Amino acid sequence: MSDCIFCRIVRGEAPAQIIYQDEEVTAFRDLNPQAPVHVLIVPNRHIAGVAQVEPDDEPTLGRLFTVARRLAEEMGITEGYRLVVNSGPLAGQSVFHLHLHLLGGRPFRWPPG
């Protein structure tokens, strides 16, 4: 999807502090961080949200989580971090390109909000 901001970031057409990129996923710092570590991990191929996930997407979705684990290790937050996926506007999804929030560096409470 050419006008999606995350697609543009993946293609290098929009600015972002990219901290990881491979053939399947890209990770970059959130512009409005909610924790000392707040990274967005996105599939490079446009998937609007959880409701649009297909069985063929399973390897890419698994890759999101292995990259999250790797980044948590690199950022020194392995003692506790949160992974969040918002699905739809009522859940707070504001960019309709599936993304995983990696949050850490502070204590979290439950329920989240």
PDB file of N, CA and C in Angstrom:
ATOM      1  N   MET A   1       0.866  -1.177   0.000  1.00  0.00           N
ATOM      2  CA  MET A   1       0.000   0.000   0.000  1.00  0.00           C
ATOM      3  C   MET A   1       0.906   1.231   0.000  1.00  0.00           C
ATOM      4  N   SER A   2       0.887   2.002  -1.042  1.00  0.00           N
ATOM      5  CA  SER A   2       1.872   3.064  -1.246  1.00  0.00           C
ATOM      6  C   SER A   2       1.749   4.227  -0.283  1.00  0.00           C
ATOM      7  N   ASP A   3       0.556   4.539   0.235  1.00  0.00           N
ATOM      8  CA  ASP A   3       0.410   5.703   1.102  1.00  0.00           C
ATOM      9  C   ASP A   3       0.518   5.354   2.589  1.00  0.00           C
ATOM     10  N   CYS A   4       0.731   4.095   2.936  1.00  0.00           N
ATOM     11  CA  CYS A   4       0.871   3.674   4.331  1.00  0.00           C
ATOM     12  C   CYS A   4       2.213   4.163   4.872  1.00  0.00           C
ATOM     13  N   ILE A   5       2.198   4.852   5.997  1.00  0.00           N
ATOM     14  CA  ILE A   5       3.437   5.408   6.552  1.00  0.00           C
ATOM     15  C   ILE A   5       4.437   4.306   6.888  1.00  0.00           C
ATOM     16  N   PHE A   6       3.971   3.169   7.401  1.00  0.00           N
ATOM     17  CA  PHE A   6       4.911   2.099   7.731  1.00  0.00           C
ATOM     18  C   PHE A   6       5.505   1.480   6.473  1.00  0.00           C
ATOM     19  N   CYS A   7       4.719   1.357   5.407  1.00  0.00           N
ATOM     20  CA  CYS A   7       5.253   0.873   4.135  1.00  0.00           C
ATOM     21  C   CYS A   7       6.317   1.830   3.613  1.00  0.00           C
ATOM     22  N   ARG A   8       6.061   3.113   3.764  1.00  0.00           N
ATOM     23  CA  ARG A   8       7.037   4.116   3.317  1.00  0.00           C
ATOM     24  C   ARG A   8       8.313   4.044   4.140  1.00  0.00           C
ATOM     25  N   ILE A   9       8.199   3.807   5.446  1.00  0.00           N
ATOM     26  CA  ILE A   9       9.389   3.646   6.300  1.00  0.00           C
ATOM     27  C   ILE A   9      10.176   2.420   5.851  1.00  0.00           C
ATOM     28  N   VAL A  10       9.489   1.305   5.637  1.00  0.00           N
ATOM     29  CA  VAL A  10      10.159   0.073   5.197  1.00  0.00           C
ATOM     30  C   VAL A  10      10.935   0.312   3.909  1.00  0.00           C
ATOM     31  N   ARG A  11      10.365   1.077   2.983  1.00  0.00           N
ATOM     32  CA  ARG A  11      11.011   1.350   1.690  1.00  0.00           C
ATOM     33  C   ARG A  11      12.058   2.456   1.773  1.00  0.00           C
ATOM     34  N   GLY A  12      12.218   3.077   2.926  1.00  0.00           N
ATOM     35  CA  GLY A  12      13.190   4.159   3.071  1.00  0.00           C
ATOM     36  C   GLY A  12      12.708   5.481   2.530  1.00  0.00           C
ATOM     37  N   GLU A  13      11.399   5.627   2.341  1.00  0.00           N
ATOM     38  CA  GLU A  13      10.829   6.849   1.781  1.00  0.00           C
ATOM     39  C   GLU A  13      10.330   7.820   2.842  1.00  0.00           C
ATOM     40  N   ALA A  14      10.300   7.396   4.091  1.00  0.00           N
ATOM     41  CA  ALA A  14       9.871   8.245   5.205  1.00  0.00           C
ATOM     42  C   ALA A  14      10.894   8.085   6.319  1.00  0.00           C
ATOM     43  N   PRO A  15      11.151   9.158   7.065  1.00  0.00           N
ATOM     44  CA  PRO A  15      12.177   9.082   8.101  1.00  0.00           C
ATOM     45  C   PRO A  15      11.735   8.230   9.287  1.00  0.00           C
ATOM     46  N   ALA A  16      12.686   7.504   9.831  1.00  0.00           N
ATOM     47  CA  ALA A  16      12.476   6.717  11.039  1.00  0.00           C
ATOM     48  C   ALA A  16      13.846   6.291  11.546  1.00  0.00           C
ATOM     49  N   GLN A  17      13.931   6.048  12.833  1.00  0.00           N
ATOM     50  CA  GLN A  17      15.167   5.537  13.410  1.00  0.00           C
ATOM     51  C   GLN A  17      15.096   4.006  13.359  1.00  0.00           C
ATOM     52  N   ILE A  18      15.495   3.460  12.231  1.00  0.00           N
ATOM     53  CA  ILE A  18      15.447   2.018  12.023  1.00  0.00           C
ATOM     54  C   ILE A  18      16.574   1.376  12.820  1.00  0.00           C
ATOM     55  N   ILE A  19      16.207   0.365  13.613  1.00  0.00           N
ATOM     56  CA  ILE A  19      17.219  -0.325  14.408  1.00  0.00           C
ATOM     57  C   ILE A  19      17.431  -1.769  13.946  1.00  0.00           C
ATOM     58  N   TYR A  20      16.559  -2.250  13.079  1.00  0.00           N
ATOM     59  CA  TYR A  20      16.721  -3.602  12.534  1.00  0.00           C
ATOM     60  C   TYR A  20      15.903  -3.702  11.251  1.00  0.00           C
ATOM     61  N   GLN A  21      16.469  -4.390  10.263  1.00  0.00           N
ATOM     62  CA  GLN A  21      15.712  -4.652   9.038  1.00  0.00           C
ATOM     63  C   GLN A  21      16.282  -5.891   8.370  1.00  0.00           C
ATOM     64  N   ASP A  22      15.388  -6.766   7.917  1.00  0.00           N
ATOM     65  CA  ASP A  22      15.779  -7.904   7.107  1.00  0.00           C
ATOM     66  C   ASP A  22      14.754  -8.059   5.990  1.00  0.00           C
ATOM     67  N   GLU A  23      14.742  -9.199   5.336  1.00  0.00           N
ATOM     68  CA  GLU A  23      13.853  -9.377   4.185  1.00  0.00           C
ATOM     69  C   GLU A  23      12.380  -9.484   4.569  1.00  0.00           C
ATOM     70  N   GLU A  24      12.083  -9.765   5.850  1.00  0.00           N
ATOM     71  CA  GLU A  24      10.694  -9.948   6.273  1.00  0.00           C
ATOM     72  C   GLU A  24      10.153  -8.845   7.166  1.00  0.00           C
ATOM     73  N   VAL A  25      10.999  -8.292   8.039  1.00  0.00           N
ATOM     74  CA  VAL A  25      10.508  -7.332   9.034  1.00  0.00           C
ATOM     75  C   VAL A  25      11.450  -6.142   9.174  1.00  0.00           C
ATOM     76  N   THR A  26      10.888  -5.060   9.698  1.00  0.00           N
ATOM     77  CA  THR A  26      11.643  -3.844  10.005  1.00  0.00           C
ATOM     78  C   THR A  26      11.246  -3.392  11.404  1.00  0.00           C
ATOM     79  N   ALA A  27      12.230  -2.932  12.171  1.00  0.00           N
ATOM     80  CA  ALA A  27      11.977  -2.420  13.520  1.00  0.00           C
ATOM     81  C   ALA A  27      12.526  -1.004  13.619  1.00  0.00           C
ATOM     82  N   PHE A  28      11.741  -0.134  14.243  1.00  0.00           N
ATOM     83  CA  PHE A  28      12.149   1.259  14.393  1.00  0.00           C
ATOM     84  C   PHE A  28      11.563   1.830  15.677  1.00  0.00           C
ATOM     85  N   ARG A  29      12.197   2.881  16.167  1.00  0.00           N
ATOM     86  CA  ARG A  29      11.756   3.513  17.417  1.00  0.00           C
ATOM     87  C   ARG A  29      10.424   4.239  17.204  1.00  0.00           C
ATOM     88  N   ASP A  30       9.546   4.118  18.202  1.00  0.00           N
ATOM     89  CA  ASP A  30       8.259   4.807  18.170  1.00  0.00           C
ATOM     90  C   ASP A  30       8.479   6.303  18.358  1.00  0.00           C
ATOM     91  N   LEU A  31       7.763   7.116  17.608  1.00  0.00           N
ATOM     92  CA  LEU A  31       7.893   8.577  17.727  1.00  0.00           C
ATOM     93  C   LEU A  31       7.273   9.121  19.011  1.00  0.00           C
ATOM     94  N   ASN A  32       6.372   8.364  19.625  1.00  0.00           N
ATOM     95  CA  ASN A  32       5.707   8.783  20.855  1.00  0.00           C
ATOM     96  C   ASN A  32       5.887   7.682  21.904  1.00  0.00           C
ATOM     97  N   PRO A  33       7.117   7.517  22.407  1.00  0.00           N
ATOM     98  CA  PRO A  33       7.398   6.375  23.278  1.00  0.00           C
ATOM     99  C   PRO A  33       6.606   6.397  24.574  1.00  0.00           C
ATOM    100  N   GLN A  34       6.129   5.214  24.953  1.00  0.00           N
ATOM    101  CA  GLN A  34       5.375   5.033  26.189  1.00  0.00           C
ATOM    102  C   GLN A  34       6.212   4.351  27.271  1.00  0.00           C
ATOM    103  N   ALA A  35       7.479   4.110  26.980  1.00  0.00           N
ATOM    104  CA  ALA A  35       8.414   3.496  27.910  1.00  0.00           C
ATOM    105  C   ALA A  35       9.823   3.869  27.447  1.00  0.00           C
ATOM    106  N   PRO A  36      10.823   3.691  28.313  1.00  0.00           N
ATOM    107  CA  PRO A  36      12.193   4.004  27.878  1.00  0.00           C
ATOM    108  C   PRO A  36      12.604   3.259  26.599  1.00  0.00           C
ATOM    109  N   VAL A  37      12.150   2.036  26.449  1.00  0.00           N
ATOM    110  CA  VAL A  37      12.324   1.300  25.199  1.00  0.00           C
ATOM    111  C   VAL A  37      10.933   1.133  24.595  1.00  0.00           C
ATOM    112  N   HIS A  38      10.750   1.661  23.401  1.00  0.00           N
ATOM    113  CA  HIS A  38       9.481   1.500  22.679  1.00  0.00           C
ATOM    114  C   HIS A  38       9.811   1.396  21.199  1.00  0.00           C
ATOM    115  N   VAL A  39       9.765   0.178  20.714  1.00  0.00           N
ATOM    116  CA  VAL A  39      10.122  -0.128  19.338  1.00  0.00           C
ATOM    117  C   VAL A  39       8.908  -0.727  18.640  1.00  0.00           C
ATOM    118  N   LEU A  40       8.701  -0.354  17.387  1.00  0.00           N
ATOM    119  CA  LEU A  40       7.667  -0.959  16.557  1.00  0.00           C
ATOM    120  C   LEU A  40       8.337  -1.945  15.616  1.00  0.00           C
ATOM    121  N   ILE A  41       7.768  -3.135  15.534  1.00  0.00           N
ATOM    122  CA  ILE A  41       8.283  -4.175  14.646  1.00  0.00           C
ATOM    123  C   ILE A  41       7.167  -4.494  13.664  1.00  0.00           C
ATOM    124  N   VAL A  42       7.445  -4.309  12.382  1.00  0.00           N
ATOM    125  CA  VAL A  42       6.406  -4.434  11.357  1.00  0.00           C
ATOM    126  C   VAL A  42       6.816  -5.439  10.286  1.00  0.00           C
ATOM    127  N   PRO A  43       5.836  -6.148   9.713  1.00  0.00           N
ATOM    128  CA  PRO A  43       6.163  -6.947   8.533  1.00  0.00           C
ATOM    129  C   PRO A  43       6.448  -6.002   7.367  1.00  0.00           C
ATOM    130  N   ASN A  44       7.406  -6.349   6.542  1.00  0.00           N
ATOM    131  CA  ASN A  44       7.717  -5.488   5.397  1.00  0.00           C
ATOM    132  C   ASN A  44       6.584  -5.470   4.375  1.00  0.00           C
ATOM    133  N   ARG A  45       5.863  -6.567   4.275  1.00  0.00           N
ATOM    134  CA  ARG A  45       4.712  -6.630   3.377  1.00  0.00           C
ATOM    135  C   ARG A  45       3.502  -6.070   4.112  1.00  0.00           C
ATOM    136  N   HIS A  46       2.715  -5.276   3.435  1.00  0.00           N
ATOM    137  CA  HIS A  46       1.569  -4.643   4.070  1.00  0.00           C
ATOM    138  C   HIS A  46       0.512  -5.676   4.453  1.00  0.00           C
ATOM    139  N   ILE A  47       0.224  -5.724   5.744  1.00  0.00           N
ATOM    140  CA  ILE A  47      -0.910  -6.474   6.299  1.00  0.00           C
ATOM    141  C   ILE A  47      -1.624  -5.453   7.172  1.00  0.00           C
ATOM    142  N   ALA A  48      -2.860  -5.132   6.872  1.00  0.00           N
ATOM    143  CA  ALA A  48      -3.547  -4.031   7.558  1.00  0.00           C
ATOM    144  C   ALA A  48      -3.713  -4.273   9.057  1.00  0.00           C
ATOM    145  N   GLY A  49      -3.975  -5.493   9.454  1.00  0.00           N
ATOM    146  CA  GLY A  49      -4.179  -5.783  10.873  1.00  0.00           C
ATOM    147  C   GLY A  49      -4.391  -7.260  11.093  1.00  0.00           C
ATOM    148  N   VAL A  50      -4.663  -7.631  12.328  1.00  0.00           N
ATOM    149  CA  VAL A  50      -4.852  -9.035  12.686  1.00  0.00           C
ATOM    150  C   VAL A  50      -5.979  -9.661  11.864  1.00  0.00           C
ATOM    151  N   ALA A  51      -7.037  -8.926  11.606  1.00  0.00           N
ATOM    152  CA  ALA A  51      -8.180  -9.467  10.865  1.00  0.00           C
ATOM    153  C   ALA A  51      -7.823  -9.816   9.421  1.00  0.00           C
ATOM    154  N   GLN A  52      -6.718  -9.315   8.926  1.00  0.00           N
ATOM    155  CA  GLN A  52      -6.304  -9.586   7.551  1.00  0.00           C
ATOM    156  C   GLN A  52      -5.197 -10.644   7.470  1.00  0.00           C
ATOM    157  N   VAL A  53      -4.786 -11.211   8.601  1.00  0.00           N
ATOM    158  CA  VAL A  53      -3.743 -12.225   8.612  1.00  0.00           C
ATOM    159  C   VAL A  53      -4.255 -13.503   7.945  1.00  0.00           C
ATOM    160  N   GLU A  54      -3.426 -14.088   7.105  1.00  0.00           N
ATOM    161  CA  GLU A  54      -3.737 -15.333   6.401  1.00  0.00           C
ATOM    162  C   GLU A  54      -2.756 -16.420   6.838  1.00  0.00           C
ATOM    163  N   PRO A  55      -3.099 -17.688   6.630  1.00  0.00           N
ATOM    164  CA  PRO A  55      -2.182 -18.765   7.009  1.00  0.00           C
ATOM    165  C   PRO A  55      -0.772 -18.610   6.424  1.00  0.00           C
ATOM    166  N   ASP A  56      -0.667 -18.074   5.218  1.00  0.00           N
ATOM    167  CA  ASP A  56       0.659 -17.881   4.615  1.00  0.00           C
ATOM    168  C   ASP A  56       1.511 -16.858   5.362  1.00  0.00           C
ATOM    169  N   ASP A  57       0.895 -16.063   6.240  1.00  0.00           N
ATOM    170  CA  ASP A  57       1.618 -15.041   6.995  1.00  0.00           C
ATOM    171  C   ASP A  57       2.296 -15.602   8.247  1.00  0.00           C
ATOM    172  N   GLU A  58       2.029 -16.858   8.588  1.00  0.00           N
ATOM    173  CA  GLU A  58       2.554 -17.407   9.842  1.00  0.00           C
ATOM    174  C   GLU A  58       4.067 -17.296   9.983  1.00  0.00           C
ATOM    175  N   PRO A  59       4.877 -17.593   8.952  1.00  0.00           N
ATOM    176  CA  PRO A  59       6.323 -17.432   9.132  1.00  0.00           C
ATOM    177  C   PRO A  59       6.735 -15.990   9.451  1.00  0.00           C
ATOM    178  N   THR A  60       6.097 -15.032   8.818  1.00  0.00           N
ATOM    179  CA  THR A  60       6.416 -13.627   9.074  1.00  0.00           C
ATOM    180  C   THR A  60       5.996 -13.231  10.485  1.00  0.00           C
ATOM    181  N   LEU A  61       4.840 -13.706  10.935  1.00  0.00           N
ATOM    182  CA  LEU A  61       4.401 -13.381  12.290  1.00  0.00           C
ATOM    183  C   LEU A  61       5.359 -13.980  13.322  1.00  0.00           C
ATOM    184  N   GLY A  62       5.831 -15.179  13.081  1.00  0.00           N
ATOM    185  CA  GLY A  62       6.834 -15.766  13.960  1.00  0.00           C
ATOM    186  C   GLY A  62       8.109 -14.944  13.964  1.00  0.00           C
ATOM    187  N   ARG A  63       8.481 -14.421  12.813  1.00  0.00           N
ATOM    188  CA  ARG A  63       9.687 -13.591  12.695  1.00  0.00           C
ATOM    189  C   ARG A  63       9.553 -12.319  13.540  1.00  0.00           C
ATOM    190  N   LEU A  64       8.345 -11.731  13.605  1.00  0.00           N
ATOM    191  CA  LEU A  64       8.134 -10.549  14.453  1.00  0.00           C
ATOM    192  C   LEU A  64       8.557 -10.847  15.889  1.00  0.00           C
ATOM    193  N   PHE A  65       8.191 -12.033  16.380  1.00  0.00           N
ATOM    194  CA  PHE A  65       8.490 -12.394  17.767  1.00  0.00           C
ATOM    195  C   PHE A  65       9.962 -12.732  17.981  1.00  0.00           C
ATOM    196  N   THR A  66      10.596 -13.388  17.028  1.00  0.00           N
ATOM    197  CA  THR A  66      12.021 -13.684  17.219  1.00  0.00           C
ATOM    198  C   THR A  66      12.856 -12.411  17.146  1.00  0.00           C
ATOM    199  N   VAL A  67      12.442 -11.479  16.314  1.00  0.00           N
ATOM    200  CA  VAL A  67      13.138 -10.180  16.274  1.00  0.00           C
ATOM    201  C   VAL A  67      12.892  -9.423  17.578  1.00  0.00           C
ATOM    202  N   ALA A  68      11.673  -9.485  18.111  1.00  0.00           N
ATOM    203  CA  ALA A  68      11.391  -8.835  19.397  1.00  0.00           C
ATOM    204  C   ALA A  68      12.300  -9.384  20.486  1.00  0.00           C
ATOM    205  N   ARG A  69      12.443 -10.708  20.545  1.00  0.00           N
ATOM    206  CA  ARG A  69      13.323 -11.317  21.546  1.00  0.00           C
ATOM    207  C   ARG A  69      14.762 -10.843  21.364  1.00  0.00           C
ATOM    208  N   ARG A  70      15.239 -10.827  20.134  1.00  0.00           N
ATOM    209  CA  ARG A  70      16.603 -10.387  19.846  1.00  0.00           C
ATOM    210  C   ARG A  70      16.826  -8.934  20.275  1.00  0.00           C
ATOM    211  N   LEU A  71      15.873  -8.071  19.934  1.00  0.00           N
ATOM    212  CA  LEU A  71      16.005  -6.654  20.297  1.00  0.00           C
ATOM    213  C   LEU A  71      15.938  -6.462  21.807  1.00  0.00           C
ATOM    214  N   ALA A  72      15.083  -7.222  22.496  1.00  0.00           N
ATOM    215  CA  ALA A  72      15.014  -7.138  23.959  1.00  0.00           C
ATOM    216  C   ALA A  72      16.359  -7.503  24.571  1.00  0.00           C
ATOM    217  N   GLU A  73      17.001  -8.525  24.031  1.00  0.00           N
ATOM    218  CA  GLU A  73      18.331  -8.905  24.520  1.00  0.00           C
ATOM    219  C   GLU A  73      19.334  -7.792  24.263  1.00  0.00           C
ATOM    220  N   GLU A  74      19.340  -7.258  23.049  1.00  0.00           N
ATOM    221  CA  GLU A  74      20.293  -6.202  22.690  1.00  0.00           C
ATOM    222  C   GLU A  74      20.084  -4.931  23.514  1.00  0.00           C
ATOM    223  N   MET A  75      18.843  -4.656  23.899  1.00  0.00           N
ATOM    224  CA  MET A  75      18.523  -3.437  24.640  1.00  0.00           C
ATOM    225  C   MET A  75      18.541  -3.644  26.151  1.00  0.00           C
ATOM    226  N   GLY A  76      18.870  -4.845  26.582  1.00  0.00           N
ATOM    227  CA  GLY A  76      19.030  -5.108  28.004  1.00  0.00           C
ATOM    228  C   GLY A  76      17.743  -5.103  28.812  1.00  0.00           C
ATOM    229  N   ILE A  77      16.656  -5.558  28.219  1.00  0.00           N
ATOM    230  CA  ILE A  77      15.372  -5.539  28.941  1.00  0.00           C
ATOM    231  C   ILE A  77      14.802  -6.952  29.125  1.00  0.00           C
ATOM    232  N   THR A  78      15.660  -7.955  29.146  1.00  0.00           N
ATOM    233  CA  THR A  78      15.174  -9.335  29.205  1.00  0.00           C
ATOM    234  C   THR A  78      14.534  -9.703  30.541  1.00  0.00           C
ATOM    235  N   GLU A  79      14.693  -8.893  31.570  1.00  0.00           N
ATOM    236  CA  GLU A  79      14.042  -9.201  32.848  1.00  0.00           C
ATOM    237  C   GLU A  79      12.548  -8.886  32.818  1.00  0.00           C
ATOM    238  N   GLY A  80      12.102  -8.212  31.805  1.00  0.00           N
ATOM    239  CA  GLY A  80      10.678  -7.925  31.675  1.00  0.00           C
ATOM    240  C   GLY A  80      10.408  -6.905  30.591  1.00  0.00           C
ATOM    241  N   TYR A  81       9.548  -7.287  29.686  1.00  0.00           N
ATOM    242  CA  TYR A  81       9.108  -6.373  28.633  1.00  0.00           C
ATOM    243  C   TYR A  81       7.715  -6.780  28.216  1.00  0.00           C
ATOM    244  N   ARG A  82       7.066  -5.894  27.510  1.00  0.00           N
ATOM    245  CA  ARG A  82       5.704  -6.147  27.064  1.00  0.00           C
ATOM    246  C   ARG A  82       5.673  -6.093  25.537  1.00  0.00           C
ATOM    247  N   LEU A  83       4.919  -7.031  24.957  1.00  0.00           N
ATOM    248  CA  LEU A  83       4.644  -7.031  23.522  1.00  0.00           C
ATOM    249  C   LEU A  83       3.160  -6.776  23.347  1.00  0.00           C
ATOM    250  N   VAL A  84       2.814  -5.800  22.504  1.00  0.00           N
ATOM    251  CA  VAL A  84       1.421  -5.394  22.336  1.00  0.00           C
ATOM    252  C   VAL A  84       1.089  -5.339  20.853  1.00  0.00           C
ATOM    253  N   VAL A  85      -0.073  -5.893  20.512  1.00  0.00           N
ATOM    254  CA  VAL A  85      -0.643  -5.742  19.178  1.00  0.00           C
ATOM    255  C   VAL A  85      -2.043  -5.182  19.368  1.00  0.00           C
ATOM    256  N   ASN A  86      -2.294  -3.990  18.850  1.00  0.00           N
ATOM    257  CA  ASN A  86      -3.631  -3.401  18.873  1.00  0.00           C
ATOM    258  C   ASN A  86      -4.333  -3.796  17.586  1.00  0.00           C
ATOM    259  N   SER A  87      -5.576  -4.238  17.698  1.00  0.00           N
ATOM    260  CA  SER A  87      -6.318  -4.684  16.527  1.00  0.00           C
ATOM    261  C   SER A  87      -7.616  -3.893  16.403  1.00  0.00           C
ATOM    262  N   GLY A  88      -7.615  -2.934  15.505  1.00  0.00           N
ATOM    263  CA  GLY A  88      -8.795  -2.121  15.248  1.00  0.00           C
ATOM    264  C   GLY A  88      -8.807  -0.827  16.043  1.00  0.00           C
ATOM    265  N   PRO A  89      -9.618   0.121  15.597  1.00  0.00           N
ATOM    266  CA  PRO A  89      -9.640   1.446  16.221  1.00  0.00           C
ATOM    267  C   PRO A  89     -10.074   1.430  17.689  1.00  0.00           C
ATOM    268  N   LEU A  90     -10.991   0.551  18.075  1.00  0.00           N
ATOM    269  CA  LEU A  90     -11.426   0.521  19.472  1.00  0.00           C
ATOM    270  C   LEU A  90     -10.320   0.022  20.401  1.00  0.00           C
ATOM    271  N   ALA A  91      -9.342  -0.681  19.856  1.00  0.00           N
ATOM    272  CA  ALA A  91      -8.204  -1.161  20.650  1.00  0.00           C
ATOM    273  C   ALA A  91      -7.035  -0.184  20.607  1.00  0.00           C
ATOM    274  N   GLY A  92      -7.171   0.905  19.858  1.00  0.00           N
ATOM    275  CA  GLY A  92      -6.110   1.904  19.792  1.00  0.00           C
ATOM    276  C   GLY A  92      -5.219   1.803  18.575  1.00  0.00           C
ATOM    277  N   GLN A  93      -5.550   0.941  17.619  1.00  0.00           N
ATOM    278  CA  GLN A  93      -4.739   0.885  16.403  1.00  0.00           C
ATOM    279  C   GLN A  93      -4.955   2.154  15.605  1.00  0.00           C
ATOM    280  N   SER A  94      -3.878   2.898  15.372  1.00  0.00           N
ATOM    281  CA  SER A  94      -3.997   4.154  14.644  1.00  0.00           C
ATOM    282  C   SER A  94      -3.316   4.104  13.277  1.00  0.00           C
ATOM    283  N   VAL A  95      -2.393   3.171  13.079  1.00  0.00           N
ATOM    284  CA  VAL A  95      -1.784   2.944  11.774  1.00  0.00           C
ATOM    285  C   VAL A  95      -2.201   1.542  11.347  1.00  0.00           C
ATOM    286  N   PHE A  96      -2.867   1.458  10.222  1.00  0.00           N
ATOM    287  CA  PHE A  96      -3.435   0.191   9.789  1.00  0.00           C
ATOM    288  C   PHE A  96      -2.455  -0.582   8.913  1.00  0.00           C
ATOM    289  N   HIS A  97      -1.356  -0.919   9.579  1.00  0.00           N
ATOM    290  CA  HIS A  97      -0.318  -1.830   9.094  1.00  0.00           C
ATOM    291  C   HIS A  97       0.054  -2.599  10.344  1.00  0.00           C
ATOM    292  N   LEU A  98      -0.162  -3.902  10.346  1.00  0.00           N
ATOM    293  CA  LEU A  98       0.091  -4.723  11.523  1.00  0.00           C
ATOM    294  C   LEU A  98       1.454  -4.380  12.125  1.00  0.00           C
ATOM    295  N   HIS A  99       1.503  -4.201  13.443  1.00  0.00           N
ATOM    296  CA  HIS A  99       2.769  -3.918  14.098  1.00  0.00           C
ATOM    297  C   HIS A  99       2.753  -4.407  15.534  1.00  0.00           C
ATOM    298  N   LEU A 100       3.929  -4.770  15.984  1.00  0.00           N
ATOM    299  CA  LEU A 100       4.148  -5.263  17.329  1.00  0.00           C
ATOM    300  C   LEU A 100       4.897  -4.183  18.092  1.00  0.00           C
ATOM    301  N   HIS A 101       4.350  -3.768  19.237  1.00  0.00           N
ATOM    302  CA  HIS A 101       5.043  -2.821  20.107  1.00  0.00           C
ATOM    303  C   HIS A 101       5.915  -3.620  21.066  1.00  0.00           C
ATOM    304  N   LEU A 102       7.189  -3.296  21.137  1.00  0.00           N
ATOM    305  CA  LEU A 102       8.103  -3.834  22.139  1.00  0.00           C
ATOM    306  C   LEU A 102       8.350  -2.715  23.133  1.00  0.00           C
ATOM    307  N   LEU A 103       7.884  -2.919  24.379  1.00  0.00           N
ATOM    308  CA  LEU A 103       8.006  -1.895  25.420  1.00  0.00           C
ATOM    309  C   LEU A 103       8.786  -2.463  26.601  1.00  0.00           C
ATOM    310  N   GLY A 104       9.701  -1.676  27.148  1.00  0.00           N
ATOM    311  CA  GLY A 104      10.468  -2.127  28.301  1.00  0.00           C
ATOM    312  C   GLY A 104      11.231  -0.992  28.936  1.00  0.00           C
ATOM    313  N   GLY A 105      11.969  -1.343  29.983  1.00  0.00           N
ATOM    314  CA  GLY A 105      12.784  -0.354  30.667  1.00  0.00           C
ATOM    315  C   GLY A 105      12.102   0.304  31.846  1.00  0.00           C
ATOM    316  N   ARG A 106      10.905  -0.168  32.190  1.00  0.00           N
ATOM    317  CA  ARG A 106      10.179   0.308  33.368  1.00  0.00           C
ATOM    318  C   ARG A 106       9.186  -0.770  33.791  1.00  0.00           C
ATOM    319  N   PRO A 107       8.703  -0.714  35.044  1.00  0.00           N
ATOM    320  CA  PRO A 107       7.686  -1.677  35.466  1.00  0.00           C
ATOM    321  C   PRO A 107       6.347  -1.396  34.770  1.00  0.00           C
ATOM    322  N   PHE A 108       5.600  -2.448  34.522  1.00  0.00           N
ATOM    323  CA  PHE A 108       4.270  -2.330  33.944  1.00  0.00           C
ATOM    324  C   PHE A 108       3.247  -2.877  34.929  1.00  0.00           C
ATOM    325  N   ARG A 109       2.020  -2.403  34.801  1.00  0.00           N
ATOM    326  CA  ARG A 109       0.935  -2.851  35.670  1.00  0.00           C
ATOM    327  C   ARG A 109      -0.095  -3.610  34.836  1.00  0.00           C
ATOM    328  N   TRP A 110      -0.968  -4.324  35.525  1.00  0.00           N
ATOM    329  CA  TRP A 110      -2.054  -5.027  34.867  1.00  0.00           C
ATOM    330  C   TRP A 110      -3.337  -4.708  35.594  1.00  0.00           C
ATOM    331  N   PRO A 111      -4.437  -4.425  34.944  1.00  0.00           N
ATOM    332  CA  PRO A 111      -4.584  -4.419  33.486  1.00  0.00           C
ATOM    333  C   PRO A 111      -3.947  -3.178  32.875  1.00  0.00           C
ATOM    334  N   PRO A 112      -3.607  -3.262  31.576  1.00  0.00           N
ATOM    335  CA  PRO A 112      -2.856  -2.188  30.956  1.00  0.00           C
ATOM    336  C   PRO A 112      -3.643  -0.925  30.663  1.00  0.00           C
ATOM    337  N   GLY A 113      -4.945  -0.964  30.552  1.00  0.00           N
ATOM    338  CA  GLY A 113      -5.563   0.296  30.284  1.00  0.00           C
ATOM    339  C   GLY A 113      -6.919   0.254  29.735  1.00  0.00           C
TER     340      GLY A 113
END
